Protein backbone atom coordinates (compact mmCIF):
# COMPACT_ATOMS: atom_id res chain seq x y z
CA MET A 1 98.95 87.81 103.66
CA GLU A 2 98.11 91.22 102.16
CA LYS A 3 100.56 92.93 104.40
CA TYR A 4 103.36 90.64 103.30
CA ILE A 5 102.76 90.73 99.64
CA ASN A 6 102.91 94.21 98.36
CA ASP A 7 104.80 96.52 95.90
CA ASP A 8 106.84 98.12 98.72
CA LEU A 9 108.34 94.83 99.89
CA VAL A 10 109.19 93.39 96.42
CA ILE A 11 112.86 93.18 95.78
CA LYS A 12 112.75 95.09 92.62
CA ASN A 13 114.78 93.71 89.79
CA GLU A 14 114.54 93.28 85.95
CA ILE A 15 112.18 90.44 86.24
CA TYR A 16 109.81 92.37 88.46
CA ASN A 17 109.95 95.40 86.30
CA SER A 18 109.37 93.50 83.07
CA PHE A 19 105.98 91.87 84.19
CA LYS A 20 104.84 94.27 86.97
CA ASP A 21 101.59 95.10 85.03
CA SER A 22 100.88 91.44 84.39
CA ILE A 23 100.71 90.49 88.13
CA THR A 24 98.41 93.22 89.26
CA CYS A 25 94.80 92.60 90.15
CA PRO A 26 92.40 94.91 88.28
CA LEU A 27 90.10 95.06 91.31
CA CYS A 28 92.48 95.98 94.09
CA LEU A 29 95.41 97.16 91.98
CA LYS A 30 97.87 95.14 94.06
CA ILE A 31 100.05 92.12 93.37
CA PHE A 32 97.85 89.07 92.89
CA ILE A 33 97.23 86.84 95.98
CA ASN A 34 96.00 83.40 95.02
CA PRO A 35 95.03 84.45 91.37
CA LEU A 36 91.92 83.00 89.88
CA MET A 37 90.95 83.27 86.13
CA CYS A 38 87.42 83.58 84.81
CA MET A 39 87.25 80.69 82.27
CA LYS A 40 84.86 82.72 80.03
CA CYS A 41 86.73 85.99 79.52
CA GLN A 42 90.23 84.85 80.74
CA ASN A 43 90.60 87.84 83.13
CA VAL A 44 92.49 87.20 86.34
CA TYR A 45 91.67 88.48 89.88
CA CYS A 46 92.82 87.84 93.50
CA LYS A 47 90.80 85.14 95.11
CA LYS A 48 89.67 87.44 97.87
CA CYS A 49 88.73 90.21 95.39
CA ILE A 50 86.62 87.96 93.22
CA ASP A 51 84.93 86.30 96.27
CA GLU A 52 83.98 89.83 97.54
CA TRP A 53 82.78 90.71 94.07
CA GLU A 54 80.57 87.68 93.74
CA LYS A 55 78.82 88.39 96.96
CA LYS A 56 77.51 91.45 95.42
CA ASN A 57 77.16 90.57 91.69
CA ASN A 58 76.14 87.49 89.70
CA THR A 59 78.67 88.29 86.94
CA CYS A 60 82.41 88.57 86.75
CA PRO A 61 83.80 92.07 86.72
CA ASN A 62 83.87 91.73 82.87
CA ARG A 63 80.13 90.96 83.00
CA CYS A 64 80.38 87.29 82.11
CA GLU A 65 77.20 85.52 83.19
CA ASN A 66 77.61 82.54 85.51
CA PRO A 67 81.40 82.70 85.60
CA ASN A 68 83.59 79.72 86.44
CA TYR A 69 86.85 80.52 88.19
CA GLN A 70 89.99 78.38 88.20
CA LYS A 71 93.45 78.82 89.47
CA SER A 72 95.61 80.89 87.12
CA ILE A 73 98.66 78.74 86.50
CA GLY A 74 100.35 81.22 84.17
CA LYS A 75 100.06 84.14 86.73
CA GLN A 76 101.16 81.81 89.51
CA GLU A 77 104.30 81.05 87.53
CA LEU A 78 105.13 84.72 87.13
CA LEU A 79 104.44 85.39 90.82
CA SER A 80 106.82 82.43 91.76
CA LYS A 81 109.71 84.47 90.29
CA LEU A 82 109.19 87.30 92.71
CA LYS A 83 111.07 87.84 95.98
CA PHE A 84 110.02 89.93 98.95
CA LYS A 85 111.77 91.30 101.97
CA CYS A 86 110.47 90.02 105.34
CA ILE A 87 109.09 92.79 107.49
CA ASN A 88 110.36 91.02 110.53
CA CYS A 89 113.85 89.64 109.81
CA ASP A 90 114.74 91.35 106.37
CA GLU A 91 115.35 87.95 104.80
CA GLU A 92 114.57 87.58 101.06
CA ILE A 93 111.47 85.28 100.64
CA GLU A 94 110.17 83.78 97.45
CA TYR A 95 106.49 84.41 96.78
CA ASP A 96 105.62 80.68 97.12
CA ASN A 97 107.23 80.57 100.57
CA ILE A 98 105.89 83.73 102.17
CA GLU A 99 103.10 82.20 104.26
CA LYS A 100 105.42 79.39 105.55
CA HIS A 101 108.22 81.95 106.37
CA TYR A 102 105.95 84.30 108.35
CA ASN A 103 104.53 81.36 110.25
CA SER A 104 107.89 80.33 111.38
CA CYS A 105 109.90 83.69 111.36
CA LYS A 106 111.98 83.81 114.47
CA SER A 107 111.96 87.54 114.66
CA LYS A 108 108.34 87.60 115.58
CA THR A 109 109.11 85.80 118.85
CA ASN A 110 112.19 87.73 119.80
CA THR A 111 110.43 90.68 121.35
CA LYS A 112 110.73 90.61 125.09
CA LYS A 113 108.05 91.64 127.48
CA ILE A 114 109.61 94.19 129.85
CA LYS A 115 106.73 95.91 131.68
CA LYS A 116 103.38 97.48 130.98
CA LEU A 117 103.83 101.12 130.28
CA SER A 118 101.59 104.01 130.96
CA GLN A 119 100.51 106.37 128.18
CA ASP A 120 102.91 109.13 129.68
CA GLU A 121 105.74 106.60 129.52
CA LEU A 122 104.94 105.77 126.00
CA LYS A 123 104.89 109.36 125.03
CA LYS A 124 108.21 109.97 126.76
CA LEU A 125 109.79 107.03 124.89
CA ASP A 126 108.46 108.23 121.61
CA LYS A 127 109.75 111.76 122.17
CA GLU A 128 113.20 110.61 123.15
CA LYS A 129 113.26 108.06 120.33
CA GLU A 130 115.14 105.70 122.60
CA ASP A 131 113.36 102.46 121.45
CA MET A 132 110.70 101.34 118.99
CA VAL A 133 107.52 100.63 120.82
CA TYR A 134 105.42 97.58 119.88
CA ILE A 135 101.83 97.46 120.94
CA THR A 136 100.29 94.14 120.91
CA SER A 137 96.92 93.10 122.32
CA LYS A 138 96.78 96.08 124.67
CA LYS A 139 100.09 95.03 126.18
CA PHE A 140 103.12 97.27 125.71
CA TYR A 141 106.59 96.12 124.90
CA ILE A 142 109.84 97.79 124.38
């Protein structure tokens, strides 16, 4: 999900600009993904960030002993107001629908397998800028 939820893909508007700092994780410095709040200090972190932190530490990043984390409903409500641009089809997607959209986005399946290309052929295509080259699982598509 990290590649779909980032500052570059946000459809910037007044809403986003007004609460941008409130939706940024203090650990990864990116837009929250599944925000969790430490119930002792009330600080919020991405679920992935806090899970990684807890593997190495027995405190929250704010040094709360034996922290208890719960879903941050307030941050989730702010995030729900965001819209992102799909990297596959350019459609505008709401934060809450991103995962569902990318699982069903038709543009992902619209690339056609033409033939396996050699490295020389890839270089030639790149130099001529004829087509965008997609490399997936060691198979080459144009």
